[in-house]
């Protein structure tokens, strides 16, 4: 089994690869990284035709490497995964889709913490769309802490975790019953955020389980 992972930041590589090592050690993982995707979407505060083109190009590169399936590990790109599928012949999955389905089917008041500015509203819109698919009523609140991403990139993991905790604490105060850490890079902060006493969901574990089941079947 060979799995390709598309990343828009190097900081997302280790958490998802660790999840594969723990849950599917037999898998060969190939990482395809284009940090300009995240940089550019931050600059334009959204997604345009260039982002779609860059996404298609890197997905085709992964497919040409002979992977059996592709995980899209950038939350900024996950809303447009469906638009890329016609260009790709192998299964391709947004990393956060399994996690978002799980939270929609089990909780009503959902708190989203994001450390990349576009990811907050994009994750919220994804949750709303999935809730519509499953005919669920949900209420979504978001906190965005871009300072946490800055600290992570500088190697300050303790401060990164603390800022995620503080953002989640604000959501708890506002009545959220579950916390989503929207990006893979936030997975390392899960343990600290859990000290708030709320369920905390991150995407790597659910994504690995889902993509491996697709390939095996």
N, C-alpha and C. Protein backbone atom coordinates (compact mmCIF):
# COMPACT_ATOMS: atom_id res chain seq x y z
N UNK A 1 0.85 -1.19 0.00
CA UNK A 1 0.00 0.00 0.00
C UNK A 1 0.89 1.25 0.00
N UNK A 2 0.66 2.11 -0.98
CA UNK A 2 1.43 3.36 -1.09
C UNK A 2 0.46 4.54 -1.04
N UNK A 3 0.64 5.42 -0.08
CA UNK A 3 -0.26 6.56 0.11
C UNK A 3 0.50 7.86 -0.13
N UNK A 4 -0.06 8.72 -0.96
CA UNK A 4 0.50 10.05 -1.18
C UNK A 4 -0.21 11.07 -0.31
N UNK A 5 0.55 11.96 0.28
CA UNK A 5 -0.03 13.02 1.12
C UNK A 5 0.38 14.37 0.57
N UNK A 6 -0.60 15.21 0.31
CA UNK A 6 -0.35 16.57 -0.17
C UNK A 6 -0.37 17.54 1.01
N UNK A 7 0.74 18.23 1.21
CA UNK A 7 0.88 19.18 2.30
C UNK A 7 1.10 20.60 1.78
N UNK A 8 0.65 21.58 2.56
CA UNK A 8 0.94 22.98 2.25
C UNK A 8 1.83 23.60 3.33
N UNK A 9 2.31 22.78 4.25
CA UNK A 9 3.29 23.23 5.23
C UNK A 9 4.09 22.02 5.71
N UNK A 10 5.38 22.22 5.90
CA UNK A 10 6.24 21.12 6.38
C UNK A 10 5.84 20.68 7.78
N UNK A 11 5.25 21.59 8.55
CA UNK A 11 4.88 21.26 9.93
C UNK A 11 3.79 20.19 10.01
N UNK A 12 3.09 19.94 8.90
CA UNK A 12 2.03 18.93 8.91
C UNK A 12 2.55 17.54 8.61
N UNK A 13 3.79 17.43 8.15
CA UNK A 13 4.32 16.14 7.72
C UNK A 13 4.45 15.16 8.88
N UNK A 14 5.09 15.58 9.96
CA UNK A 14 5.38 14.67 11.07
C UNK A 14 4.12 14.10 11.73
N UNK A 15 3.10 14.92 12.07
CA UNK A 15 1.94 14.35 12.75
C UNK A 15 1.20 13.29 11.95
N UNK A 16 1.03 13.51 10.67
CA UNK A 16 0.29 12.53 9.86
C UNK A 16 1.13 11.29 9.60
N UNK A 17 2.42 11.47 9.39
CA UNK A 17 3.30 10.31 9.22
C UNK A 17 3.36 9.48 10.48
N UNK A 18 3.31 10.13 11.64
CA UNK A 18 3.30 9.41 12.91
C UNK A 18 2.02 8.58 13.05
N UNK A 19 0.91 9.13 12.60
CA UNK A 19 -0.36 8.40 12.66
C UNK A 19 -0.31 7.15 11.78
N UNK A 20 0.32 7.27 10.61
CA UNK A 20 0.48 6.09 9.75
C UNK A 20 1.38 5.06 10.41
N UNK A 21 2.45 5.51 11.02
CA UNK A 21 3.38 4.59 11.68
C UNK A 21 2.68 3.80 12.78
N UNK A 22 1.78 4.47 13.50
CA UNK A 22 1.07 3.83 14.61
C UNK A 22 -0.07 2.93 14.15
N UNK A 23 -0.81 3.39 13.13
CA UNK A 23 -2.04 2.71 12.75
C UNK A 23 -1.93 1.84 11.49
N UNK A 24 -0.98 2.17 10.61
CA UNK A 24 -0.81 1.40 9.37
C UNK A 24 0.67 1.33 9.02
N UNK A 25 1.47 0.67 9.85
CA UNK A 25 2.92 0.65 9.64
C UNK A 25 3.35 -0.03 8.34
N UNK A 26 2.45 -0.81 7.76
CA UNK A 26 2.79 -1.48 6.50
C UNK A 26 2.73 -0.53 5.30
N UNK A 27 2.15 0.64 5.47
CA UNK A 27 1.98 1.58 4.36
C UNK A 27 3.28 2.33 4.04
N UNK A 28 3.53 2.51 2.75
CA UNK A 28 4.59 3.41 2.31
C UNK A 28 3.97 4.78 2.08
N UNK A 29 4.52 5.80 2.73
CA UNK A 29 3.96 7.14 2.66
C UNK A 29 4.90 8.05 1.88
N UNK A 30 4.36 8.71 0.86
CA UNK A 30 5.10 9.70 0.09
C UNK A 30 4.50 11.07 0.34
N UNK A 31 5.33 12.03 0.75
CA UNK A 31 4.85 13.38 1.07
C UNK A 31 5.16 14.35 -0.06
N UNK A 32 4.15 15.08 -0.48
CA UNK A 32 4.29 16.07 -1.54
C UNK A 32 3.96 17.44 -0.93
N UNK A 33 4.96 18.31 -0.84
CA UNK A 33 4.83 19.56 -0.08
C UNK A 33 4.97 20.76 -1.01
N UNK A 34 4.00 21.68 -0.91
CA UNK A 34 4.08 22.96 -1.62
C UNK A 34 3.64 24.05 -0.65
N UNK A 35 4.59 24.66 0.04
CA UNK A 35 4.26 25.66 1.04
C UNK A 35 3.72 26.95 0.44
N UNK A 36 3.95 27.15 -0.85
CA UNK A 36 3.43 28.36 -1.48
C UNK A 36 1.90 28.36 -1.52
N UNK A 37 1.28 27.19 -1.52
CA UNK A 37 -0.18 27.13 -1.53
C UNK A 37 -0.73 27.84 -0.30
N UNK A 38 -0.20 27.49 0.88
CA UNK A 38 -0.68 28.14 2.11
C UNK A 38 -0.32 29.62 2.13
N UNK A 39 0.91 29.94 1.72
CA UNK A 39 1.33 31.34 1.70
C UNK A 39 0.42 32.16 0.79
N UNK A 40 0.15 31.64 -0.39
CA UNK A 40 -0.66 32.38 -1.37
C UNK A 40 -2.10 32.54 -0.90
N UNK A 41 -2.69 31.48 -0.36
CA UNK A 41 -4.08 31.60 0.11
C UNK A 41 -4.19 32.58 1.28
N UNK A 42 -3.15 32.65 2.09
CA UNK A 42 -3.15 33.67 3.15
C UNK A 42 -3.08 35.07 2.58
N UNK A 43 -2.30 35.23 1.51
CA UNK A 43 -2.16 36.55 0.89
C UNK A 43 -3.47 37.03 0.28
N UNK A 44 -4.18 36.13 -0.41
CA UNK A 44 -5.42 36.54 -1.08
C UNK A 44 -6.65 36.31 -0.21
N UNK A 45 -6.43 35.66 0.96
CA UNK A 45 -7.51 35.38 1.91
C UNK A 45 -8.63 34.55 1.27
N UNK A 46 -8.22 33.50 0.58
CA UNK A 46 -9.22 32.64 -0.04
C UNK A 46 -8.63 31.73 -1.09
N UNK A 47 -9.48 31.30 -2.02
CA UNK A 47 -9.09 30.36 -3.07
C UNK A 47 -9.48 30.93 -4.42
N UNK A 48 -8.56 30.86 -5.38
CA UNK A 48 -8.87 31.34 -6.73
C UNK A 48 -8.44 30.29 -7.75
N UNK A 49 -8.44 30.65 -9.04
CA UNK A 49 -8.10 29.69 -10.09
C UNK A 49 -6.67 29.17 -9.97
N UNK A 50 -5.76 30.02 -9.53
CA UNK A 50 -4.37 29.59 -9.37
C UNK A 50 -4.25 28.48 -8.33
N UNK A 51 -4.99 28.59 -7.23
CA UNK A 51 -4.96 27.56 -6.20
C UNK A 51 -5.48 26.24 -6.77
N UNK A 52 -6.57 26.30 -7.53
CA UNK A 52 -7.09 25.09 -8.17
C UNK A 52 -6.03 24.45 -9.09
N UNK A 53 -5.36 25.28 -9.88
CA UNK A 53 -4.35 24.77 -10.81
C UNK A 53 -3.18 24.14 -10.07
N UNK A 54 -2.70 24.81 -9.03
CA UNK A 54 -1.58 24.27 -8.24
C UNK A 54 -1.97 22.95 -7.59
N UNK A 55 -3.20 22.87 -7.13
CA UNK A 55 -3.70 21.66 -6.49
C UNK A 55 -3.73 20.50 -7.49
N UNK A 56 -4.27 20.74 -8.66
CA UNK A 56 -4.33 19.70 -9.69
C UNK A 56 -2.92 19.22 -10.05
N UNK A 57 -1.98 20.14 -10.19
CA UNK A 57 -0.62 19.78 -10.58
C UNK A 57 0.04 18.88 -9.55
N UNK A 58 -0.09 19.21 -8.27
CA UNK A 58 0.56 18.41 -7.24
C UNK A 58 -0.15 17.07 -7.06
N UNK A 59 -1.46 17.05 -7.26
CA UNK A 59 -2.20 15.78 -7.18
C UNK A 59 -1.80 14.84 -8.32
N UNK A 60 -1.62 15.38 -9.51
CA UNK A 60 -1.18 14.56 -10.64
C UNK A 60 0.24 14.05 -10.40
N UNK A 61 1.08 14.88 -9.79
CA UNK A 61 2.44 14.44 -9.46
C UNK A 61 2.41 13.25 -8.51
N UNK A 62 1.53 13.32 -7.52
CA UNK A 62 1.39 12.20 -6.57
C UNK A 62 0.89 10.95 -7.29
N UNK A 63 -0.10 11.13 -8.14
CA UNK A 63 -0.64 9.98 -8.88
C UNK A 63 0.43 9.35 -9.76
N UNK A 64 1.24 10.18 -10.42
CA UNK A 64 2.28 9.67 -11.31
C UNK A 64 3.36 8.90 -10.54
N UNK A 65 3.44 9.12 -9.24
CA UNK A 65 4.40 8.38 -8.41
C UNK A 65 3.90 6.98 -8.09
N UNK A 66 2.69 6.65 -8.52
CA UNK A 66 2.17 5.30 -8.35
C UNK A 66 1.47 5.04 -7.03
N UNK A 67 0.94 6.09 -6.41
CA UNK A 67 0.26 5.89 -5.12
C UNK A 67 -1.10 5.22 -5.34
N UNK A 68 -1.55 4.53 -4.30
CA UNK A 68 -2.86 3.87 -4.36
C UNK A 68 -3.99 4.80 -3.95
N UNK A 69 -3.66 5.84 -3.21
CA UNK A 69 -4.66 6.82 -2.77
C UNK A 69 -3.93 8.06 -2.31
N UNK A 70 -4.68 9.17 -2.22
CA UNK A 70 -4.10 10.46 -1.85
C UNK A 70 -4.90 11.07 -0.70
N UNK A 71 -4.19 11.54 0.30
CA UNK A 71 -4.78 12.35 1.36
C UNK A 71 -4.39 13.81 1.14
N UNK A 72 -5.35 14.69 1.16
CA UNK A 72 -5.08 16.13 1.05
C UNK A 72 -5.00 16.68 2.47
N UNK A 73 -3.79 17.01 2.90
CA UNK A 73 -3.55 17.34 4.30
C UNK A 73 -3.60 18.83 4.59
N UNK A 74 -4.03 19.62 3.64
CA UNK A 74 -4.14 21.07 3.84
C UNK A 74 -5.62 21.45 3.97
N UNK A 75 -6.01 21.99 5.12
CA UNK A 75 -7.42 22.31 5.33
C UNK A 75 -7.91 23.40 4.40
N UNK A 76 -7.00 24.24 3.91
CA UNK A 76 -7.40 25.27 2.95
C UNK A 76 -7.88 24.63 1.65
N UNK A 77 -7.29 23.48 1.30
CA UNK A 77 -7.64 22.81 0.05
C UNK A 77 -8.82 21.87 0.16
N UNK A 78 -9.15 21.43 1.37
CA UNK A 78 -10.18 20.40 1.50
C UNK A 78 -11.53 20.78 0.89
N UNK A 79 -11.95 22.06 0.91
CA UNK A 79 -13.25 22.36 0.30
C UNK A 79 -13.29 22.16 -1.21
N UNK A 80 -12.11 22.06 -1.86
CA UNK A 80 -12.13 21.93 -3.33
C UNK A 80 -11.63 20.55 -3.79
N UNK A 81 -11.58 19.60 -2.87
CA UNK A 81 -11.16 18.24 -3.24
C UNK A 81 -12.08 17.66 -4.31
N UNK A 82 -13.38 17.88 -4.16
CA UNK A 82 -14.34 17.33 -5.14
C UNK A 82 -14.07 17.84 -6.54
N UNK A 83 -13.64 19.10 -6.66
CA UNK A 83 -13.40 19.68 -7.98
C UNK A 83 -12.16 19.11 -8.65
N UNK A 84 -11.27 18.48 -7.87
CA UNK A 84 -10.04 17.91 -8.41
C UNK A 84 -10.23 16.45 -8.81
N UNK A 85 -11.22 15.79 -8.24
CA UNK A 85 -11.42 14.36 -8.48
C UNK A 85 -11.50 13.97 -9.95
N UNK A 86 -12.13 14.79 -10.82
CA UNK A 86 -12.20 14.39 -12.24
C UNK A 86 -10.83 14.26 -12.91
N UNK A 87 -9.80 14.88 -12.33
CA UNK A 87 -8.47 14.84 -12.93
C UNK A 87 -7.61 13.70 -12.39
N UNK A 88 -8.12 12.99 -11.38
CA UNK A 88 -7.34 11.98 -10.67
C UNK A 88 -8.06 10.63 -10.74
N UNK A 89 -7.30 9.56 -11.01
CA UNK A 89 -7.92 8.24 -11.16
C UNK A 89 -7.82 7.38 -9.90
N UNK A 90 -7.09 7.86 -8.87
CA UNK A 90 -7.00 7.11 -7.62
C UNK A 90 -7.88 7.81 -6.57
N UNK A 91 -8.28 7.08 -5.53
CA UNK A 91 -9.08 7.73 -4.47
C UNK A 91 -8.32 8.91 -3.86
N UNK A 92 -9.02 10.01 -3.65
CA UNK A 92 -8.42 11.20 -3.04
C UNK A 92 -9.38 11.70 -1.96
N UNK A 93 -8.84 11.95 -0.77
CA UNK A 93 -9.67 12.25 0.39
C UNK A 93 -9.12 13.45 1.15
N UNK A 94 -10.01 14.35 1.54
CA UNK A 94 -9.64 15.45 2.42
C UNK A 94 -9.34 14.90 3.80
N UNK A 95 -8.22 15.31 4.38
CA UNK A 95 -7.78 14.74 5.64
C UNK A 95 -8.79 14.94 6.76
N UNK A 96 -9.54 16.03 6.71
CA UNK A 96 -10.44 16.32 7.82
C UNK A 96 -11.86 15.80 7.61
N UNK A 97 -12.15 15.25 6.44
CA UNK A 97 -13.52 14.78 6.17
C UNK A 97 -13.99 13.72 7.18
N UNK A 98 -13.22 12.66 7.46
CA UNK A 98 -13.69 11.68 8.45
C UNK A 98 -13.93 12.30 9.82
N UNK A 99 -13.05 13.20 10.24
CA UNK A 99 -13.20 13.86 11.53
C UNK A 99 -14.47 14.72 11.57
N UNK A 100 -14.71 15.47 10.51
CA UNK A 100 -15.87 16.36 10.47
C UNK A 100 -17.17 15.56 10.44
N UNK A 101 -17.18 14.46 9.72
CA UNK A 101 -18.37 13.60 9.73
C UNK A 101 -18.64 13.06 11.13
N UNK A 102 -17.58 12.67 11.81
CA UNK A 102 -17.73 12.12 13.15
C UNK A 102 -18.31 13.16 14.11
N UNK A 103 -17.82 14.37 14.04
CA UNK A 103 -18.27 15.39 15.00
C UNK A 103 -19.71 15.81 14.69
N UNK A 104 -20.06 15.91 13.43
CA UNK A 104 -21.43 16.29 13.05
C UNK A 104 -22.44 15.25 13.52
N UNK A 105 -22.04 14.00 13.48
CA UNK A 105 -22.95 12.91 13.85
C UNK A 105 -23.03 12.67 15.36
N UNK A 106 -22.20 13.36 16.14
CA UNK A 106 -22.18 13.10 17.58
C UNK A 106 -22.35 14.33 18.47
N UNK A 107 -22.26 15.53 17.90
CA UNK A 107 -22.32 16.75 18.72
C UNK A 107 -23.15 17.83 18.03
N UNK A 108 -23.62 18.77 18.84
CA UNK A 108 -24.45 19.86 18.31
C UNK A 108 -23.74 21.20 18.37
N UNK A 109 -23.13 21.54 19.52
CA UNK A 109 -22.43 22.81 19.67
C UNK A 109 -20.93 22.55 19.50
N UNK A 110 -20.40 22.94 18.34
CA UNK A 110 -19.05 22.56 17.94
C UNK A 110 -18.12 23.78 17.97
N UNK A 111 -16.98 23.63 18.62
CA UNK A 111 -15.97 24.68 18.64
C UNK A 111 -14.81 24.33 17.74
N UNK A 112 -14.41 25.28 16.89
CA UNK A 112 -13.31 25.07 15.95
C UNK A 112 -12.16 26.01 16.29
N UNK A 113 -10.97 25.44 16.54
CA UNK A 113 -9.76 26.24 16.73
C UNK A 113 -8.91 26.09 15.48
N UNK A 114 -8.52 27.21 14.88
CA UNK A 114 -7.65 27.19 13.70
C UNK A 114 -6.46 28.11 13.94
N UNK A 115 -5.32 27.75 13.35
CA UNK A 115 -4.13 28.59 13.48
C UNK A 115 -3.71 29.19 12.15
N UNK A 116 -4.47 28.91 11.10
CA UNK A 116 -4.26 29.52 9.79
C UNK A 116 -5.56 30.25 9.44
N UNK A 117 -5.47 31.54 9.16
CA UNK A 117 -6.65 32.39 9.05
C UNK A 117 -7.76 31.84 8.14
N UNK A 118 -7.46 31.38 6.93
CA UNK A 118 -8.55 30.88 6.08
C UNK A 118 -9.20 29.60 6.60
N UNK A 119 -8.48 28.83 7.42
CA UNK A 119 -8.97 27.51 7.83
C UNK A 119 -10.20 27.58 8.73
N UNK A 120 -10.31 28.66 9.54
CA UNK A 120 -11.46 28.79 10.42
C UNK A 120 -12.78 28.83 9.66
N UNK A 121 -12.97 29.83 8.80
CA UNK A 121 -14.23 29.89 8.04
C UNK A 121 -14.41 28.74 7.08
N UNK A 122 -13.32 28.22 6.51
CA UNK A 122 -13.45 27.10 5.58
C UNK A 122 -13.90 25.84 6.31
N UNK A 123 -13.37 25.60 7.51
CA UNK A 123 -13.80 24.44 8.29
C UNK A 123 -15.25 24.59 8.71
N UNK A 124 -15.64 25.81 9.07
CA UNK A 124 -17.04 26.06 9.44
C UNK A 124 -17.97 25.76 8.27
N UNK A 125 -17.60 26.20 7.08
CA UNK A 125 -18.46 25.96 5.92
C UNK A 125 -18.52 24.47 5.58
N UNK A 126 -17.40 23.77 5.79
CA UNK A 126 -17.39 22.32 5.57
C UNK A 126 -18.32 21.61 6.54
N UNK A 127 -18.27 22.02 7.80
CA UNK A 127 -19.15 21.43 8.82
C UNK A 127 -20.62 21.67 8.47
N UNK A 128 -20.93 22.88 8.03
CA UNK A 128 -22.31 23.21 7.67
C UNK A 128 -22.78 22.36 6.49
N UNK A 129 -21.88 22.16 5.51
CA UNK A 129 -22.25 21.36 4.34
C UNK A 129 -22.48 19.89 4.73
N UNK A 130 -21.60 19.36 5.56
CA UNK A 130 -21.74 17.97 5.99
C UNK A 130 -22.98 17.79 6.85
N UNK A 131 -23.25 18.77 7.71
CA UNK A 131 -24.47 18.71 8.52
C UNK A 131 -25.70 18.66 7.63
N UNK A 132 -25.67 19.42 6.54
CA UNK A 132 -26.78 19.39 5.59
C UNK A 132 -26.92 18.03 4.93
N UNK A 133 -25.80 17.41 4.58
CA UNK A 133 -25.83 16.08 3.97
C UNK A 133 -26.47 15.05 4.89
N UNK A 134 -26.14 15.15 6.19
CA UNK A 134 -26.63 14.17 7.17
C UNK A 134 -27.91 14.63 7.87
N UNK A 135 -28.41 15.78 7.45
CA UNK A 135 -29.64 16.34 8.02
C UNK A 135 -29.52 16.51 9.54
N UNK A 136 -28.40 17.11 9.96
CA UNK A 136 -28.13 17.37 11.37
C UNK A 136 -28.18 18.88 11.62
N UNK A 137 -28.65 19.25 12.81
CA UNK A 137 -28.63 20.64 13.24
C UNK A 137 -27.40 20.86 14.10
N UNK A 138 -26.53 21.77 13.68
CA UNK A 138 -25.33 22.06 14.46
C UNK A 138 -25.15 23.57 14.62
N UNK A 139 -24.45 23.94 15.66
CA UNK A 139 -24.05 25.33 15.89
C UNK A 139 -22.54 25.34 15.98
N UNK A 140 -21.89 26.22 15.20
CA UNK A 140 -20.44 26.21 15.08
C UNK A 140 -19.87 27.55 15.51
N UNK A 141 -18.89 27.51 16.39
CA UNK A 141 -18.19 28.71 16.86
C UNK A 141 -16.71 28.53 16.56
N UNK A 142 -16.02 29.60 16.21
CA UNK A 142 -14.61 29.48 15.82
C UNK A 142 -13.72 30.46 16.60
N UNK A 143 -12.49 30.03 16.79
CA UNK A 143 -11.42 30.88 17.32
C UNK A 143 -10.20 30.68 16.44
N UNK A 144 -9.63 31.78 15.97
CA UNK A 144 -8.45 31.72 15.11
C UNK A 144 -7.27 32.34 15.83
N UNK A 145 -6.18 31.59 15.96
CA UNK A 145 -4.99 32.08 16.63
C UNK A 145 -3.78 31.89 15.72
N UNK A 146 -3.58 32.83 14.81
CA UNK A 146 -2.46 32.72 13.87
C UNK A 146 -1.11 32.81 14.57
N UNK A 147 -1.11 33.41 15.77
CA UNK A 147 0.14 33.49 16.53
C UNK A 147 0.67 32.10 16.85
N UNK A 148 -0.24 31.14 17.03
CA UNK A 148 0.18 29.77 17.34
C UNK A 148 0.96 29.16 16.19
N UNK A 149 0.52 29.40 14.96
CA UNK A 149 1.25 28.88 13.80
C UNK A 149 2.63 29.53 13.70
N UNK A 150 2.68 30.83 13.98
CA UNK A 150 3.97 31.53 13.96
C UNK A 150 4.94 30.91 14.96
N UNK A 151 4.44 30.62 16.16
CA UNK A 151 5.27 30.02 17.19
C UNK A 151 5.72 28.61 16.80
N UNK A 152 4.82 27.84 16.18
CA UNK A 152 5.16 26.49 15.77
C UNK A 152 6.27 26.51 14.72
N UNK A 153 6.15 27.40 13.75
CA UNK A 153 7.16 27.50 12.70
C UNK A 153 8.51 27.93 13.26
N UNK A 154 8.47 28.67 14.38
CA UNK A 154 9.71 29.11 15.03
C UNK A 154 10.27 28.04 15.97
N UNK A 155 9.56 26.93 16.08
CA UNK A 155 10.02 25.85 16.93
C UNK A 155 9.56 25.94 18.37
N UNK A 156 8.65 26.88 18.66
CA UNK A 156 8.19 27.09 20.03
C UNK A 156 6.91 26.28 20.28
N UNK A 157 7.07 24.97 20.43
CA UNK A 157 5.92 24.10 20.55
C UNK A 157 5.13 24.33 21.84
N UNK A 158 5.82 24.67 22.92
CA UNK A 158 5.13 24.91 24.20
C UNK A 158 4.16 26.08 24.05
N UNK A 159 4.60 27.16 23.41
CA UNK A 159 3.73 28.32 23.22
C UNK A 159 2.61 28.01 22.23
N UNK A 160 2.92 27.23 21.21
CA UNK A 160 1.91 26.80 20.26
C UNK A 160 0.78 26.06 20.98
N UNK A 161 1.15 25.12 21.84
CA UNK A 161 0.15 24.35 22.57
C UNK A 161 -0.66 25.24 23.51
N UNK A 162 0.02 26.18 24.17
CA UNK A 162 -0.66 27.07 25.11
C UNK A 162 -1.69 27.94 24.40
N UNK A 163 -1.34 28.45 23.24
CA UNK A 163 -2.26 29.31 22.50
C UNK A 163 -3.47 28.53 21.99
N UNK A 164 -3.25 27.28 21.60
CA UNK A 164 -4.38 26.43 21.22
C UNK A 164 -5.29 26.20 22.42
N UNK A 165 -4.68 25.96 23.57
CA UNK A 165 -5.45 25.75 24.80
C UNK A 165 -6.30 26.98 25.13
N UNK A 166 -5.70 28.16 25.04
CA UNK A 166 -6.43 29.39 25.36
C UNK A 166 -7.60 29.62 24.41
N UNK A 167 -7.38 29.35 23.12
CA UNK A 167 -8.46 29.50 22.14
C UNK A 167 -9.60 28.52 22.43
N UNK A 168 -9.23 27.28 22.76
CA UNK A 168 -10.25 26.29 23.09
C UNK A 168 -10.99 26.65 24.37
N UNK A 169 -10.27 27.23 25.33
CA UNK A 169 -10.90 27.64 26.59
C UNK A 169 -11.97 28.71 26.34
N UNK A 170 -11.71 29.61 25.39
CA UNK A 170 -12.71 30.63 25.04
C UNK A 170 -13.95 29.98 24.46
N UNK A 171 -13.76 28.97 23.63
CA UNK A 171 -14.90 28.27 23.04
C UNK A 171 -15.69 27.51 24.11
N UNK A 172 -14.99 26.94 25.06
CA UNK A 172 -15.68 26.26 26.16
C UNK A 172 -16.53 27.25 26.95
N UNK A 173 -15.99 28.44 27.20
CA UNK A 173 -16.75 29.47 27.92
C UNK A 173 -18.02 29.85 27.17
N UNK A 174 -17.98 29.77 25.86
CA UNK A 174 -19.13 30.15 25.04
C UNK A 174 -20.08 28.98 24.80
N UNK A 175 -19.84 27.88 25.51
CA UNK A 175 -20.81 26.79 25.50
C UNK A 175 -20.54 25.63 24.56
N UNK A 176 -19.38 25.59 23.93
CA UNK A 176 -19.08 24.48 23.02
C UNK A 176 -18.90 23.19 23.80
N UNK A 177 -19.39 22.10 23.24
CA UNK A 177 -19.33 20.80 23.92
C UNK A 177 -18.24 19.90 23.36
N UNK A 178 -17.59 20.31 22.28
CA UNK A 178 -16.51 19.54 21.67
C UNK A 178 -15.58 20.54 20.97
N UNK A 179 -14.31 20.20 20.91
CA UNK A 179 -13.32 21.06 20.24
C UNK A 179 -12.72 20.33 19.06
N UNK A 180 -12.71 20.99 17.92
CA UNK A 180 -11.98 20.51 16.75
C UNK A 180 -10.72 21.34 16.61
N UNK A 181 -9.57 20.68 16.52
CA UNK A 181 -8.33 21.36 16.15
C UNK A 181 -8.21 21.19 14.64
N UNK A 182 -8.48 22.27 13.92
CA UNK A 182 -8.79 22.18 12.50
C UNK A 182 -7.66 21.64 11.63
N UNK A 183 -6.42 21.92 12.00
CA UNK A 183 -5.30 21.58 11.13
C UNK A 183 -4.45 20.46 11.72
N UNK A 184 -3.82 19.71 10.84
CA UNK A 184 -2.95 18.61 11.27
C UNK A 184 -1.86 19.12 12.19
N UNK A 185 -1.34 20.30 11.90
CA UNK A 185 -0.24 20.86 12.70
C UNK A 185 -0.63 21.06 14.16
N UNK A 186 -1.93 21.11 14.43
CA UNK A 186 -2.40 21.32 15.80
C UNK A 186 -2.52 20.02 16.59
N UNK A 187 -2.34 18.88 15.94
CA UNK A 187 -2.56 17.60 16.60
C UNK A 187 -1.69 17.43 17.83
N UNK A 188 -0.49 17.99 17.80
CA UNK A 188 0.42 17.84 18.94
C UNK A 188 -0.09 18.55 20.19
N UNK A 189 -1.03 19.50 20.00
CA UNK A 189 -1.59 20.23 21.15
C UNK A 189 -2.80 19.52 21.75
N UNK A 190 -3.17 18.38 21.19
CA UNK A 190 -4.39 17.69 21.63
C UNK A 190 -4.38 17.39 23.12
N UNK A 191 -3.28 16.85 23.62
CA UNK A 191 -3.23 16.44 25.03
C UNK A 191 -3.46 17.63 25.95
N UNK A 192 -2.83 18.76 25.63
CA UNK A 192 -2.99 19.94 26.49
C UNK A 192 -4.42 20.47 26.43
N UNK A 193 -5.00 20.50 25.25
CA UNK A 193 -6.36 21.02 25.10
C UNK A 193 -7.36 20.10 25.82
N UNK A 194 -7.08 18.82 25.87
CA UNK A 194 -7.97 17.87 26.56
C UNK A 194 -8.09 18.17 28.05
N UNK A 195 -7.13 18.88 28.64
CA UNK A 195 -7.21 19.19 30.06
C UNK A 195 -8.38 20.11 30.38
N UNK A 196 -9.00 20.68 29.35
CA UNK A 196 -10.20 21.48 29.56
C UNK A 196 -11.41 20.62 29.94
N UNK A 197 -11.30 19.32 29.71
CA UNK A 197 -12.40 18.42 30.06
C UNK A 197 -13.42 18.21 28.96
N UNK A 198 -13.11 18.66 27.75
CA UNK A 198 -14.00 18.46 26.61
C UNK A 198 -13.40 17.44 25.66
N UNK A 199 -14.23 16.75 24.87
CA UNK A 199 -13.69 15.91 23.80
C UNK A 199 -12.93 16.78 22.79
N UNK A 200 -11.80 16.29 22.30
CA UNK A 200 -10.98 17.02 21.33
C UNK A 200 -10.74 16.11 20.13
N UNK A 201 -11.06 16.60 18.94
CA UNK A 201 -10.88 15.82 17.73
C UNK A 201 -9.79 16.43 16.86
N UNK A 202 -8.90 15.56 16.37
CA UNK A 202 -7.89 15.95 15.39
C UNK A 202 -8.02 15.00 14.20
N UNK A 203 -7.48 15.41 13.07
CA UNK A 203 -7.77 14.67 11.84
C UNK A 203 -6.86 13.48 11.52
N UNK A 204 -5.60 13.42 11.95
CA UNK A 204 -4.73 12.35 11.47
C UNK A 204 -5.24 10.93 11.70
N UNK A 205 -5.66 10.60 12.91
CA UNK A 205 -6.07 9.22 13.22
C UNK A 205 -7.26 8.80 12.36
N UNK A 206 -8.29 9.65 12.30
CA UNK A 206 -9.48 9.30 11.53
C UNK A 206 -9.17 9.18 10.05
N UNK A 207 -8.27 10.04 9.54
CA UNK A 207 -7.93 10.00 8.13
C UNK A 207 -7.19 8.72 7.76
N UNK A 208 -6.25 8.30 8.60
CA UNK A 208 -5.51 7.07 8.33
C UNK A 208 -6.45 5.87 8.29
N UNK A 209 -7.36 5.79 9.27
CA UNK A 209 -8.31 4.69 9.30
C UNK A 209 -9.17 4.67 8.03
N UNK A 210 -9.62 5.84 7.62
CA UNK A 210 -10.53 5.92 6.46
C UNK A 210 -9.81 5.59 5.16
N UNK A 211 -8.61 6.13 4.94
CA UNK A 211 -7.95 5.93 3.64
C UNK A 211 -7.46 4.50 3.50
N UNK A 212 -7.00 3.89 4.59
CA UNK A 212 -6.54 2.51 4.50
C UNK A 212 -7.70 1.55 4.23
N UNK A 213 -8.87 1.86 4.80
CA UNK A 213 -10.03 1.01 4.53
C UNK A 213 -10.47 1.11 3.09
N UNK A 214 -10.31 2.28 2.48
CA UNK A 214 -10.65 2.48 1.08
C UNK A 214 -9.73 1.66 0.18
N UNK A 215 -8.45 1.69 0.49
CA UNK A 215 -7.45 0.98 -0.35
C UNK A 215 -7.63 -0.53 -0.21
N UNK A 216 -7.84 -1.00 1.01
CA UNK A 216 -7.98 -2.43 1.25
C UNK A 216 -9.23 -2.98 0.58
N UNK A 217 -10.30 -2.19 0.62
CA UNK A 217 -11.55 -2.66 0.03
C UNK A 217 -11.50 -2.65 -1.49
